[in-house]
Protein backbone atom coordinates (compact mmCIF):
# COMPACT_ATOMS: atom_id res chain seq x y z
CA UNK A 1 -22.48 -31.17 245.82
CA UNK A 2 -18.78 -30.20 245.58
CA UNK A 3 -18.57 -26.86 247.30
CA UNK A 4 -21.21 -24.27 247.93
CA UNK A 5 -21.42 -21.19 245.76
CA UNK A 6 -21.31 -18.06 247.90
CA UNK A 7 -20.82 -14.40 247.18
CA UNK A 8 -17.80 -12.68 248.67
CA UNK A 9 -19.01 -9.75 250.80
CA UNK A 10 -16.20 -7.43 249.65
CA UNK A 11 -16.97 -8.01 245.98
CA UNK A 12 -19.73 -9.40 243.81
CA UNK A 13 -17.55 -12.30 242.60
CA UNK A 14 -18.79 -15.80 243.41
CA UNK A 15 -16.61 -17.63 245.91
CA UNK A 16 -16.42 -21.43 245.75
CA UNK A 17 -16.09 -22.77 249.30
CA UNK A 18 -15.30 -26.34 250.17
CA UNK A 19 -16.45 -28.37 253.13
CA UNK A 20 -13.91 -29.93 255.49
CA UNK A 21 -14.64 -33.34 253.91
CA UNK A 22 -13.94 -31.97 250.42
CA UNK A 23 -10.71 -30.34 251.65
CA UNK A 24 -9.73 -33.61 253.30
CA UNK A 25 -10.20 -35.42 249.98
CA UNK A 26 -8.14 -32.74 248.20
CA UNK A 27 -5.36 -33.10 250.77
CA UNK A 28 -5.40 -36.90 250.44
CA UNK A 29 -5.11 -36.70 246.63
CA UNK A 30 -2.21 -34.27 246.89
CA UNK A 31 -0.58 -36.39 249.60
CA UNK A 32 -0.74 -39.56 247.50
CA UNK A 33 0.98 -37.78 244.61
CA UNK A 34 3.60 -36.14 246.83
CA UNK A 35 4.39 -39.32 248.76
CA UNK A 36 4.72 -41.19 245.45
CA UNK A 37 7.34 -38.74 244.23
CA UNK A 38 9.23 -37.87 247.41
CA UNK A 39 8.45 -40.66 249.88
CA UNK A 40 7.30 -40.22 253.46
CA UNK A 41 10.38 -38.42 254.73
CA UNK A 42 10.95 -36.35 251.59
CA UNK A 43 7.40 -34.96 251.58
CA UNK A 44 6.59 -31.96 253.74
CA UNK A 45 3.14 -30.94 254.84
CA UNK A 46 3.99 -27.49 253.46
CA UNK A 47 4.39 -29.11 250.02
CA UNK A 48 0.96 -30.71 250.32
CA UNK A 49 -0.61 -27.48 251.59
CA UNK A 50 0.72 -25.55 248.57
CA UNK A 51 -0.62 -28.19 246.17
CA UNK A 52 -4.10 -27.91 247.68
CA UNK A 53 -4.14 -24.15 248.18
CA UNK A 54 -4.61 -24.25 251.94
CA UNK A 55 -2.45 -23.35 254.92
CA UNK A 56 -0.21 -25.90 256.58
CA UNK A 57 -1.97 -25.47 259.96
CA UNK A 58 -5.26 -26.40 258.27
CA UNK A 59 -3.75 -29.76 257.28
CA UNK A 60 -3.19 -30.41 260.98
CA UNK A 61 -6.82 -29.56 261.68
CA UNK A 62 -7.76 -32.33 259.23
CA UNK A 63 -5.02 -34.80 260.24
CA UNK A 64 -3.36 -34.73 263.69
CA UNK A 65 0.09 -35.56 262.30
CA UNK A 66 1.96 -36.21 259.09
CA UNK A 67 1.99 -39.90 259.99
CA UNK A 68 -1.81 -39.87 260.29
CA UNK A 69 -2.02 -38.21 256.86
CA UNK A 70 0.28 -40.84 255.39
CA UNK A 71 -1.70 -43.69 256.93
CA UNK A 72 -4.98 -42.19 255.66
CA UNK A 73 -3.45 -42.01 252.17
CA UNK A 74 -2.35 -45.66 252.39
CA UNK A 75 -5.83 -46.66 253.59
CA UNK A 76 -7.37 -44.81 250.66
CA UNK A 77 -5.10 -46.69 248.26
CA UNK A 78 -6.00 -50.04 249.74
CA UNK A 79 -9.71 -49.14 249.74
CA UNK A 80 -9.52 -48.35 246.01
CA UNK A 81 -7.86 -51.68 245.27
CA UNK A 82 -10.37 -53.57 247.42
CA UNK A 83 -13.32 -51.81 245.75
CA UNK A 84 -11.97 -52.57 242.27
CA UNK A 85 -11.42 -56.23 243.18
CA UNK A 86 -14.86 -56.58 244.75
CA UNK A 87 -16.59 -55.03 241.74
CA UNK A 88 -14.63 -57.22 239.34
CA UNK A 89 -15.29 -60.40 241.35
CA UNK A 90 -19.02 -59.66 241.51
CA UNK A 91 -19.31 -58.98 237.78
CA UNK A 92 -16.61 -60.86 235.88
CA UNK A 93 -16.56 -60.35 232.13
CA UNK A 94 -17.66 -63.80 231.00
CA UNK A 95 -16.75 -63.21 227.37
CA UNK A 96 -13.03 -62.65 228.01
CA UNK A 97 -12.34 -64.59 231.18
CA UNK A 98 -13.54 -68.04 230.18
CA UNK A 99 -10.94 -68.68 227.49
CA UNK A 100 -7.95 -67.84 229.72
CA UNK A 101 -8.29 -69.96 232.83
CA UNK A 102 -10.63 -72.79 232.10
CA UNK A 103 -13.85 -70.97 232.77
CA UNK A 104 -14.77 -71.97 236.32
CA UNK A 105 -16.53 -69.25 238.32
CA UNK A 106 -13.48 -68.79 240.57
CA UNK A 107 -11.18 -68.55 237.54
CA UNK A 108 -13.39 -65.91 235.94
CA UNK A 109 -13.42 -63.86 239.13
CA UNK A 110 -9.63 -64.08 239.49
CA UNK A 111 -9.14 -63.12 235.87
CA UNK A 112 -11.48 -60.14 236.25
CA UNK A 113 -9.63 -59.04 239.38
CA UNK A 114 -6.33 -59.21 237.50
CA UNK A 115 -7.71 -56.99 234.75
CA UNK A 116 -9.11 -54.56 237.34
CA UNK A 117 -5.68 -54.25 238.93
CA UNK A 118 -4.00 -53.62 235.58
CA UNK A 119 -6.52 -50.85 234.88
CA UNK A 120 -5.87 -49.27 238.27
CA UNK A 121 -2.12 -49.32 237.78
CA UNK A 122 -2.35 -48.02 234.23
CA UNK A 123 -4.74 -45.18 234.99
CA UNK A 124 -4.53 -43.95 238.53
CA UNK A 125 -2.99 -46.37 240.98
CA UNK A 126 0.61 -46.12 239.80
CA UNK A 127 1.41 -43.20 242.12
CA UNK A 128 -0.23 -44.99 245.03
CA UNK A 129 1.65 -48.25 244.61
CA UNK A 130 4.88 -46.34 244.09
CA UNK A 131 4.54 -44.35 247.28
CA UNK A 132 3.61 -47.39 249.35
CA UNK A 133 6.66 -49.27 248.07
CA UNK A 134 8.98 -46.27 248.29
CA UNK A 135 7.82 -45.13 251.70
CA UNK A 136 8.18 -48.58 253.18
CA UNK A 137 11.91 -48.23 252.47
CA UNK A 138 12.27 -44.61 253.66
CA UNK A 139 14.66 -44.12 256.49
CA UNK A 140 16.45 -47.41 255.84
CA UNK A 141 19.37 -45.88 254.03
């Protein structure tokens, strides 16, 4: 359940609180976007904190360093790609894959993985792949 509904003691307004795990996910999403735009060295933890509505020190409670945050964001990106590939390889679309590559089981799985990657890039992976590529060149001039 994303956040527990609590009542603020100073008022009767409901207050949506997030667990540390939910905040960590929020920080990772914001970090992926920020790293994609500004790279590793151009992104500050203050920038990420403002995007998630938390304090900068709280980021360091969740991640010991900016490098650890960056590496967690990279891991998340790779995990998403791996999950998409695994799902596609387990359940290839037989109707579309067989006419492209000859129809062997391996060909169908590869074709399905290719389509899964295109969907990731088109819908939500573009920032992730951009920041990985951009950040790998940060600091080199």
